[in-house]
Amino acid sequence: MLPSFINRDQIPHRPGVYQFKNKYGRVTYVGKAIDLFRRVGSYFSASHAVSGSVKTSVMVEQIASVETIIVDSELEALILEANLIKKYLPEYNVSLKDDKDYLYIKITNEEFPRVLTARVADLKGSLKYFGPFPSSRTVKETLKALRRVFSWCTQPTRGRPARLRACFYYHLGQCPGVCIGKISKADYRKNVFRLSQLLEGKKERLVDELIKEMGKASKEQNFEEAGRFKKMIQGLAYLTQPNRTKAYLENPNFLEDEKQKVLEALQKALNLPKIPERIECFDISNIQGKESTGSMVVMTNGEIDKSQYRKFKIRMTGRPNDVGMHREMMRRRLKHPEWQKSDLMIIDGGIAQVNGVYQELIAKNYKLPVYGLAKRMEWLYSPDGQVIKLPKSNLASKLLQKLRDEAHRFAIAYHRKLHQRSLYS
């Protein structure tokens, strides 16, 4: 239960960082949470008062106000928390004055650099390091997730001949094969450099570089290499969002401001009558018309809204008919007036798909902007044949691609579930 002096509306059920301040406005504690409202509220609960330490009880008694900063990912929260602690030196955070107990991410200065966790005393001679981070557990879990995207070797290699058998982590896809001479020094260091870019908050630049590398490998018909780059890009898309620590420090409302800019760019690009509050995106997944599925994913005020997602088991049978399946899905969607009305619909496909859906909307007198988004060129198609070619760097284009990719992921996940079920039924 939050005390009356804290405004409940300013502490959302969102991931982010919270700062406790005393009556003088000084930051006394900084923490991070997956759900800010639940975490902040837990400090004032009766159970916490009984089980908490004396130090925590004294801290809670001194809280006069709470400030929160919403972020997109745990990696952002992790780095932002570390920066705020470093900036304010809050008295109730552990080991504030000398950083002795803080954990860092260290890249060693070796022929094949390793990525390790380290204390401040172990940073001498590092190629690079990031931190400090107050949560050891979170740092280790974050690195574990990152290693699935950017594999690296954790064993020192200087002066050691290549072995005949690969290490355990190579078989897990978390080591690129330094141990058996599978990767060159140049390629290995390039991989570690990519990880470094991510930790520095340069995700957009990194993704652009990976897309170029993927295109180059594909042109040269090196499809295995192109697949590796694609896996990296997909891993980054769902693992984390950009690290914008500096922007958060300068503007606690940075995330909300950015979303507003993107929605305004979308309104301008599509000449919409108003900023779209609810955007729905539809996709179809099938293999030769079998176990076909459809997905509807929703974005509310510029944010993915999973509570509004819907999936459809397509009833149409016979030869694959993408347009027909989209029409069936739209007919079924329109049978639910209790679902909030959309301000914009995006269909995965080109002119044929968007025209098919438009006919269903007209039949039900359901008037709203609807566009097809084709994967090949990322162009937008309206039912009247107009083609909108947004630059890939355009904020609106990135938003729609993100939504379309999420619809594709959701449709495939449901399709695989039905397909597996059919194999064992």
Protein backbone atom coordinates (compact mmCIF):
# COMPACT_ATOMS: atom_id res chain seq x y z
CA MET A 1 0.00 0.00 0.00
CA LEU A 2 1.51 3.29 -1.08
CA PRO A 3 1.43 6.17 1.44
CA SER A 4 -0.70 9.22 0.64
CA PHE A 5 2.27 11.49 -0.12
CA ILE A 6 3.18 9.34 -3.17
CA ASN A 7 1.18 9.91 -6.36
CA ARG A 8 0.07 6.44 -7.51
CA ASP A 9 -0.48 7.66 -11.08
CA GLN A 10 3.21 8.53 -11.42
CA ILE A 11 4.36 4.99 -10.67
CA PRO A 12 3.21 2.71 -13.51
CA HIS A 13 3.21 -1.08 -13.88
CA ARG A 14 6.20 -0.81 -16.21
CA PRO A 15 9.90 -1.72 -16.13
CA GLY A 16 12.30 1.00 -15.09
CA VAL A 17 14.38 2.63 -12.38
CA TYR A 18 13.11 4.24 -9.18
CA GLN A 19 14.75 6.84 -6.95
CA PHE A 20 13.81 7.46 -3.32
CA LYS A 21 14.33 11.04 -2.10
CA ASN A 22 14.32 12.49 1.41
CA LYS A 23 12.66 15.73 2.57
CA TYR A 24 15.64 17.73 1.32
CA GLY A 25 15.26 16.32 -2.21
CA ARG A 26 18.42 14.23 -1.97
CA VAL A 27 18.42 10.82 -3.66
CA THR A 28 18.89 8.25 -0.90
CA TYR A 29 18.38 5.02 -2.87
CA VAL A 30 18.26 3.90 -6.51
CA GLY A 31 16.82 0.57 -7.66
CA LYS A 32 15.37 -1.08 -10.75
CA ALA A 33 12.29 -3.22 -11.26
CA ILE A 34 10.33 -5.14 -13.87
CA ASP A 35 7.14 -3.67 -12.37
CA LEU A 36 7.82 -0.29 -10.76
CA PHE A 37 4.46 -0.06 -8.98
CA ARG A 38 4.77 -3.46 -7.31
CA ARG A 39 8.41 -2.96 -6.35
CA VAL A 40 7.98 0.51 -4.86
CA GLY A 41 4.79 -0.57 -3.09
CA SER A 42 6.57 -3.56 -1.53
CA TYR A 43 8.71 -1.24 0.63
CA PHE A 44 5.58 0.02 2.38
CA SER A 45 3.90 -3.35 2.90
CA ALA A 46 3.41 -4.85 6.36
CA SER A 47 5.34 -8.01 5.44
CA HIS A 48 8.36 -5.97 4.33
CA ALA A 49 8.29 -4.02 7.59
CA VAL A 50 8.51 -7.31 9.52
CA SER A 51 11.07 -9.15 7.37
CA GLY A 52 13.20 -6.19 6.22
CA SER A 53 16.48 -5.13 7.81
CA VAL A 54 16.82 -2.24 10.26
CA LYS A 55 18.76 -0.33 7.60
CA THR A 56 15.88 -0.71 5.11
CA SER A 57 13.31 0.33 7.73
CA VAL A 58 15.27 3.52 8.47
CA MET A 59 15.55 4.23 4.74
CA VAL A 60 11.79 3.81 4.20
CA GLU A 61 11.03 6.19 7.10
CA GLN A 62 13.08 8.89 5.36
CA ILE A 63 11.32 8.60 1.98
CA ALA A 64 9.55 11.85 1.14
CA SER A 65 9.08 11.32 -2.60
CA VAL A 66 9.69 8.83 -5.40
CA GLU A 67 10.84 9.51 -8.95
CA THR A 68 10.65 6.85 -11.68
CA ILE A 69 12.16 6.52 -15.15
CA ILE A 70 10.51 4.07 -17.58
CA VAL A 71 12.78 2.03 -19.86
CA ASP A 72 12.32 -0.64 -22.55
CA SER A 73 14.58 -3.45 -21.35
CA GLU A 74 16.40 -4.92 -18.38
CA LEU A 75 19.75 -4.08 -19.97
CA GLU A 76 18.74 -0.42 -20.11
CA ALA A 77 17.56 -0.52 -16.52
CA LEU A 78 20.79 -2.21 -15.44
CA ILE A 79 23.03 0.44 -17.01
CA LEU A 80 20.81 3.38 -16.03
CA GLU A 81 20.73 2.20 -12.39
CA ALA A 82 24.54 2.03 -12.34
CA ASN A 83 24.86 5.53 -13.80
CA LEU A 84 22.40 7.05 -11.34
CA ILE A 85 24.19 5.47 -8.38
CA LYS A 86 27.49 6.78 -9.69
CA LYS A 87 25.95 10.25 -10.17
CA TYR A 88 24.16 10.64 -6.82
CA LEU A 89 26.09 8.27 -4.47
CA PRO A 90 22.89 7.41 -2.52
CA GLU A 91 23.66 6.56 1.10
CA TYR A 92 21.49 3.43 1.17
CA ASN A 93 22.98 1.73 -1.87
CA VAL A 94 25.65 -0.83 -1.03
CA SER A 95 29.33 0.27 -1.06
CA LEU A 96 28.73 3.66 -2.61
CA LYS A 97 31.93 5.48 -1.83
CA ASP A 98 34.66 3.24 -3.20
CA ASP A 99 32.92 0.91 -5.71
CA LYS A 100 34.69 -2.10 -4.11
CA ASP A 101 31.73 -4.44 -4.33
CA TYR A 102 30.36 -3.29 -7.66
CA LEU A 103 30.57 -5.67 -10.59
CA TYR A 104 31.90 -4.69 -14.02
CA ILE A 105 31.81 -6.31 -17.46
CA LYS A 106 35.41 -6.65 -18.60
CA ILE A 107 36.85 -7.36 -22.06
CA THR A 108 40.37 -8.69 -21.66
CA ASN A 109 43.33 -7.41 -23.64
CA GLU A 110 44.35 -10.73 -25.22
CA GLU A 111 44.82 -12.18 -28.68
CA PHE A 112 41.29 -13.63 -28.38
CA PRO A 113 39.62 -11.27 -25.85
CA ARG A 114 37.42 -12.86 -23.21
CA VAL A 115 34.28 -11.31 -21.74
CA LEU A 116 34.22 -11.64 -17.96
CA THR A 117 32.71 -10.16 -14.83
CA ALA A 118 35.23 -8.39 -12.62
CA ARG A 119 35.64 -6.23 -9.51
CA VAL A 120 37.31 -2.83 -9.64
CA ALA A 121 40.66 -4.29 -8.52
CA ASP A 122 40.70 -6.62 -11.56
CA LEU A 123 40.18 -3.97 -14.25
CA LYS A 124 43.83 -3.06 -14.77
CA GLY A 125 45.00 -3.96 -18.27
CA SER A 126 41.47 -4.40 -19.67
CA LEU A 127 40.86 -3.75 -23.33
CA LYS A 128 37.51 -2.23 -22.30
CA TYR A 129 35.17 -2.37 -19.31
CA PHE A 130 31.60 -1.33 -18.57
CA GLY A 131 30.01 -0.47 -15.24
CA PRO A 132 29.91 -0.47 -12.31
CA PHE A 133 26.69 -2.47 -11.89
CA PRO A 134 25.20 -2.97 -8.42
CA SER A 135 23.37 -6.22 -9.18
CA SER A 136 25.77 -9.12 -9.69
CA ARG A 137 22.95 -11.54 -10.48
CA THR A 138 21.48 -9.33 -13.20
CA VAL A 139 24.88 -8.73 -14.82
CA LYS A 140 25.54 -12.47 -15.01
CA GLU A 141 22.07 -13.22 -16.40
CA THR A 142 22.43 -10.43 -18.98
CA LEU A 143 25.79 -11.75 -20.16
CA LYS A 144 24.33 -15.24 -20.38
CA ALA A 145 21.64 -13.94 -22.73
CA LEU A 146 24.09 -11.84 -24.76
CA ARG A 147 26.38 -14.83 -25.25
CA ARG A 148 23.65 -16.58 -27.22
CA VAL A 149 23.78 -13.70 -29.72
CA PHE A 150 27.50 -12.84 -29.67
CA SER A 151 29.39 -16.00 -28.80
CA TRP A 152 32.83 -15.68 -27.17
CA CYS A 153 35.50 -17.84 -25.58
CA THR A 154 36.02 -17.75 -21.81
CA GLN A 155 39.22 -19.81 -21.69
CA PRO A 156 42.63 -18.13 -22.09
CA THR A 157 44.18 -19.13 -25.44
CA ARG A 158 47.67 -17.57 -25.43
CA GLY A 159 50.30 -20.18 -26.21
CA ARG A 160 47.79 -23.03 -26.25
CA PRO A 161 47.55 -25.18 -29.39
CA ALA A 162 44.16 -25.84 -30.94
CA ARG A 163 42.48 -28.95 -29.57
CA LEU A 164 41.00 -31.80 -31.54
CA ARG A 165 37.70 -31.67 -29.66
CA ALA A 166 35.46 -28.64 -29.27
CA CYS A 167 34.64 -27.30 -25.82
CA PHE A 168 31.24 -27.69 -24.16
CA TYR A 169 30.17 -24.08 -24.95
CA TYR A 170 30.88 -24.56 -28.67
CA HIS A 171 28.20 -27.28 -28.79
CA LEU A 172 25.79 -24.88 -27.08
CA GLY A 173 26.48 -22.24 -29.73
CA GLN A 174 28.07 -19.94 -27.12
CA CYS A 175 31.70 -20.28 -28.26
CA PRO A 176 32.71 -19.61 -31.89
CA GLY A 177 35.28 -22.43 -31.86
CA VAL A 178 38.52 -20.74 -30.82
CA CYS A 179 39.42 -23.99 -29.07
CA ILE A 180 39.48 -25.94 -32.36
CA GLY A 181 40.71 -23.19 -34.69
CA LYS A 182 37.23 -22.67 -36.18
CA ILE A 183 37.43 -18.86 -36.28
CA SER A 184 40.18 -16.44 -37.25
CA LYS A 185 41.56 -13.83 -34.87
CA ALA A 186 40.14 -11.00 -37.02
CA ASP A 187 36.62 -12.46 -37.15
CA TYR A 188 36.65 -13.23 -33.44
CA ARG A 189 37.69 -9.69 -32.49
CA LYS A 190 35.03 -8.31 -34.82
CA ASN A 191 32.42 -10.33 -32.92
CA VAL A 192 33.63 -8.99 -29.55
CA PHE A 193 33.62 -5.47 -30.99
CA ARG A 194 29.94 -5.93 -31.88
CA LEU A 195 29.19 -6.84 -28.28
CA SER A 196 31.10 -3.76 -27.16
CA GLN A 197 28.99 -1.59 -29.49
CA LEU A 198 25.82 -2.93 -27.91
CA LEU A 199 27.04 -2.26 -24.36
CA GLU A 200 27.91 1.29 -25.42
CA GLY A 201 24.33 1.82 -26.56
CA LYS A 202 25.07 1.82 -30.31
CA LYS A 203 22.49 -0.80 -31.26
CA GLU A 204 21.06 1.06 -34.27
CA ARG A 205 24.50 1.43 -35.88
CA LEU A 206 25.29 -2.19 -35.06
CA VAL A 207 22.08 -3.51 -36.65
CA ASP A 208 22.69 -1.44 -39.81
CA GLU A 209 26.18 -2.98 -40.11
CA LEU A 210 24.82 -6.50 -39.59
CA ILE A 211 22.15 -5.96 -42.26
CA LYS A 212 24.86 -4.86 -44.74
CA GLU A 213 27.00 -7.90 -43.85
CA MET A 214 23.98 -10.19 -44.29
CA GLY A 215 23.21 -8.70 -47.71
CA LYS A 216 26.81 -9.05 -48.82
CA ALA A 217 26.98 -12.70 -47.71
CA SER A 218 23.69 -13.45 -49.45
CA LYS A 219 24.89 -11.86 -52.71
CA GLU A 220 27.98 -14.04 -52.58
CA GLN A 221 25.67 -17.04 -51.99
CA ASN A 222 27.29 -17.64 -48.62
CA PHE A 223 23.94 -18.54 -47.09
CA GLU A 224 25.34 -20.07 -43.91
CA GLU A 225 27.10 -16.79 -43.12
CA ALA A 226 23.99 -14.77 -44.06
CA GLY A 227 21.96 -16.97 -41.71
CA ARG A 228 24.40 -16.27 -38.89
CA PHE A 229 23.99 -12.52 -39.33
CA LYS A 230 20.21 -12.89 -39.50
CA LYS A 231 20.26 -14.82 -36.23
CA MET A 232 22.24 -12.00 -34.61
CA ILE A 233 19.77 -9.38 -35.84
CA GLN A 234 16.77 -11.38 -34.63
CA GLY A 235 18.44 -12.02 -31.28
CA LEU A 236 19.08 -8.32 -30.81
CA ALA A 237 15.51 -7.42 -31.76
CA TYR A 238 14.02 -9.41 -28.88
CA LEU A 239 16.87 -9.28 -26.37
CA THR A 240 17.12 -5.58 -25.75
CA GLN A 241 16.39 -2.06 -26.86
CA PRO A 242 18.97 0.73 -27.32
CA ASN A 243 20.92 1.84 -24.25
CA ARG A 244 19.98 5.50 -23.99
CA THR A 245 21.33 6.12 -20.51
CA LYS A 246 22.54 9.64 -21.21
CA ALA A 247 19.17 10.63 -22.66
CA TYR A 248 17.34 9.21 -19.61
CA LEU A 249 19.63 11.11 -17.25
CA GLU A 250 18.92 14.36 -19.10
CA ASN A 251 15.18 13.72 -19.56
CA PRO A 252 13.33 11.20 -17.36
CA ASN A 253 10.38 11.35 -19.82
CA PHE A 254 12.64 10.48 -22.76
CA LEU A 255 10.87 7.20 -23.63
CA GLU A 256 7.40 8.74 -23.72
CA ASP A 257 8.67 11.71 -25.75
CA GLU A 258 10.31 9.37 -28.27
CA LYS A 259 7.10 7.35 -28.71
CA GLN A 260 5.16 10.55 -29.30
CA LYS A 261 7.67 11.63 -32.00
CA VAL A 262 7.33 8.27 -33.75
CA LEU A 263 3.53 8.41 -33.74
CA GLU A 264 3.60 11.98 -35.06
CA ALA A 265 5.95 10.84 -37.85
CA LEU A 266 3.53 8.02 -38.70
CA GLN A 267 0.57 10.39 -38.80
CA LYS A 268 2.47 12.69 -41.17
CA ALA A 269 3.77 9.88 -43.42
CA LEU A 270 0.31 8.34 -43.94
CA ASN A 271 -1.63 11.63 -43.77
CA LEU A 272 -3.81 10.25 -40.98
CA PRO A 273 -6.61 12.42 -39.53
CA LYS A 274 -5.19 11.98 -36.00
CA ILE A 275 -2.34 10.34 -34.14
CA PRO A 276 -3.25 6.61 -34.06
CA GLU A 277 -3.83 5.41 -30.50
CA ARG A 278 -4.52 1.80 -31.50
CA ILE A 279 -2.77 0.10 -34.44
CA GLU A 280 -3.58 -3.47 -35.43
CA CYS A 281 -1.33 -5.62 -37.61
CA PHE A 282 -2.32 -8.94 -39.25
CA ASP A 283 -0.25 -11.82 -40.61
CA ILE A 284 -0.84 -15.36 -41.92
CA SER A 285 1.37 -18.43 -41.41
CA ASN A 286 0.93 -21.74 -43.25
CA ILE A 287 2.77 -24.56 -45.02
CA GLN A 288 0.99 -25.54 -48.25
CA GLY A 289 -2.31 -24.46 -46.73
CA LYS A 290 -2.06 -26.85 -43.76
CA GLU A 291 -2.57 -25.82 -40.13
CA SER A 292 -2.90 -22.21 -41.29
CA THR A 293 -2.96 -19.56 -38.59
CA GLY A 294 -3.53 -15.84 -38.41
CA SER A 295 -2.36 -13.29 -35.88
CA MET A 296 -3.50 -9.87 -34.76
CA VAL A 297 -1.00 -7.89 -32.75
CA VAL A 298 -1.78 -4.50 -31.27
CA MET A 299 0.15 -1.37 -30.46
CA THR A 300 -1.47 1.05 -28.02
CA ASN A 301 -0.06 4.58 -27.83
CA GLY A 302 3.13 3.47 -29.53
CA GLU A 303 3.72 0.47 -27.28
CA ILE A 304 3.27 -3.25 -27.94
CA ASP A 305 0.12 -4.34 -26.07
CA LYS A 306 0.18 -8.13 -25.65
CA SER A 307 -3.05 -8.15 -23.66
CA GLN A 308 -4.86 -7.26 -26.91
CA TYR A 309 -3.22 -9.93 -29.11
CA ARG A 310 -5.54 -12.40 -30.81
CA LYS A 311 -4.81 -15.58 -32.78
CA PHE A 312 -6.96 -17.31 -35.39
CA LYS A 313 -7.02 -20.91 -36.54
CA ILE A 314 -7.87 -20.49 -40.22
CA ARG A 315 -10.84 -22.61 -41.29
CA MET A 316 -10.29 -22.28 -45.05
CA THR A 317 -8.90 -25.50 -46.54
CA GLY A 318 -7.43 -26.52 -49.88
CA ARG A 319 -4.72 -24.78 -51.84
CA PRO A 320 -2.88 -21.91 -50.11
CA ASN A 321 -4.79 -18.68 -50.59
CA ASP A 322 -3.15 -15.83 -48.71
CA VAL A 323 -5.73 -13.25 -49.76
CA GLY A 324 -8.65 -15.51 -48.87
CA MET A 325 -7.13 -16.30 -45.45
CA HIS A 326 -6.66 -12.59 -44.72
CA ARG A 327 -10.28 -11.96 -45.67
CA GLU A 328 -11.48 -14.77 -43.40
CA MET A 329 -9.42 -13.42 -40.50
CA MET A 330 -10.78 -9.89 -41.01
CA ARG A 331 -14.40 -11.13 -41.14
CA ARG A 332 -13.89 -12.88 -37.82
CA ARG A 333 -12.14 -9.87 -36.30
CA LEU A 334 -15.08 -7.62 -37.25
CA LYS A 335 -17.51 -9.95 -35.43
CA HIS A 336 -16.11 -8.63 -32.15
CA PRO A 337 -17.50 -5.13 -31.55
CA GLU A 338 -16.35 -5.48 -27.92
CA TRP A 339 -12.75 -5.22 -29.14
CA GLN A 340 -11.67 -1.59 -29.24
CA LYS A 341 -11.93 0.04 -32.67
CA SER A 342 -8.65 0.45 -34.50
CA ASP A 343 -7.27 3.77 -35.79
CA LEU A 344 -5.00 2.07 -38.34
CA MET A 345 -4.66 -1.44 -39.76
CA ILE A 346 -1.48 -2.89 -41.27
CA ILE A 347 -1.68 -6.06 -43.38
CA ASP A 348 1.37 -8.20 -44.04
CA GLY A 349 1.34 -8.25 -47.83
CA GLY A 350 0.94 -6.17 -50.96
CA ILE A 351 -1.89 -4.73 -53.02
CA ALA A 352 -3.83 -8.02 -53.35
CA GLN A 353 -3.93 -8.66 -49.60
CA VAL A 354 -4.83 -5.10 -48.64
CA ASN A 355 -7.58 -4.96 -51.28
CA GLY A 356 -9.07 -8.20 -50.00
CA VAL A 357 -9.17 -6.90 -46.45
CA TYR A 358 -10.55 -3.54 -47.59
CA GLN A 359 -13.52 -5.26 -49.23
CA GLU A 360 -14.40 -6.90 -45.90
CA LEU A 361 -14.15 -3.55 -44.10
CA ILE A 362 -16.39 -1.83 -46.67
CA ALA A 363 -18.97 -4.63 -46.43
CA LYS A 364 -19.29 -3.94 -42.70
CA ASN A 365 -19.14 -0.15 -43.12
CA TYR A 366 -15.95 -0.15 -41.09
CA LYS A 367 -14.07 2.93 -42.29
CA LEU A 368 -10.45 3.39 -41.27
CA PRO A 369 -7.00 3.67 -42.87
CA VAL A 370 -5.61 0.29 -43.96
CA TYR A 371 -2.27 -0.40 -45.64
CA GLY A 372 -0.36 -3.44 -46.82
CA LEU A 373 3.32 -3.67 -45.85
CA ALA A 374 5.28 -5.84 -48.28
CA LYS A 375 8.42 -7.50 -46.95
CA ARG A 376 10.57 -7.28 -50.05
CA MET A 377 10.85 -3.50 -50.43
CA GLU A 378 9.11 -2.46 -47.20
CA TRP A 379 6.69 -0.33 -49.25
CA LEU A 380 3.20 0.56 -48.07
CA TYR A 381 0.20 -0.12 -50.34
CA SER A 382 -3.20 1.51 -49.96
CA PRO A 383 -6.41 -0.03 -51.38
CA ASP A 384 -6.58 2.67 -54.09
CA GLY A 385 -3.21 1.57 -55.48
CA GLN A 386 -1.13 4.35 -53.93
CA VAL A 387 2.41 3.27 -53.00
CA ILE A 388 4.23 4.99 -50.13
CA LYS A 389 7.98 4.48 -50.17
CA LEU A 390 9.26 5.45 -46.74
CA PRO A 391 13.05 5.50 -46.21
CA LYS A 392 14.20 2.65 -43.97
CA SER A 393 15.62 5.23 -41.56
CA ASN A 394 12.21 6.90 -41.18
CA LEU A 395 10.82 6.57 -37.64
CA ALA A 396 7.38 5.57 -38.95
CA SER A 397 8.92 2.88 -41.17
CA LYS A 398 10.82 1.37 -38.24
CA LEU A 399 7.69 1.35 -36.09
CA LEU A 400 5.61 -0.46 -38.73
CA GLN A 401 8.35 -2.99 -39.45
CA LYS A 402 8.63 -3.74 -35.75
CA LEU A 403 4.86 -4.30 -35.55
CA ARG A 404 4.80 -6.45 -38.72
CA ASP A 405 7.71 -8.58 -37.48
CA GLU A 406 5.92 -9.10 -34.16
CA ALA A 407 2.76 -10.22 -36.02
CA HIS A 408 4.88 -12.63 -38.05
CA ARG A 409 6.51 -14.05 -34.90
CA PHE A 410 3.15 -14.49 -33.16
CA ALA A 411 1.57 -16.21 -36.19
CA ILE A 412 4.51 -18.60 -36.62
CA ALA A 413 4.52 -19.51 -32.91
CA TYR A 414 0.83 -20.50 -33.09
CA HIS A 415 1.33 -22.34 -36.40
CA ARG A 416 4.19 -24.41 -34.95
CA LYS A 417 2.07 -25.28 -31.94
CA LEU A 418 -0.78 -26.57 -34.14
CA HIS A 419 1.63 -28.39 -36.46
CA GLN A 420 3.31 -30.20 -33.56
CA ARG A 421 -0.07 -31.08 -32.12
CA SER A 422 -1.15 -32.61 -35.45
CA LEU A 423 1.96 -34.79 -35.58
CA TYR A 424 1.09 -36.49 -32.30
CA SER A 425 -2.69 -36.65 -32.65
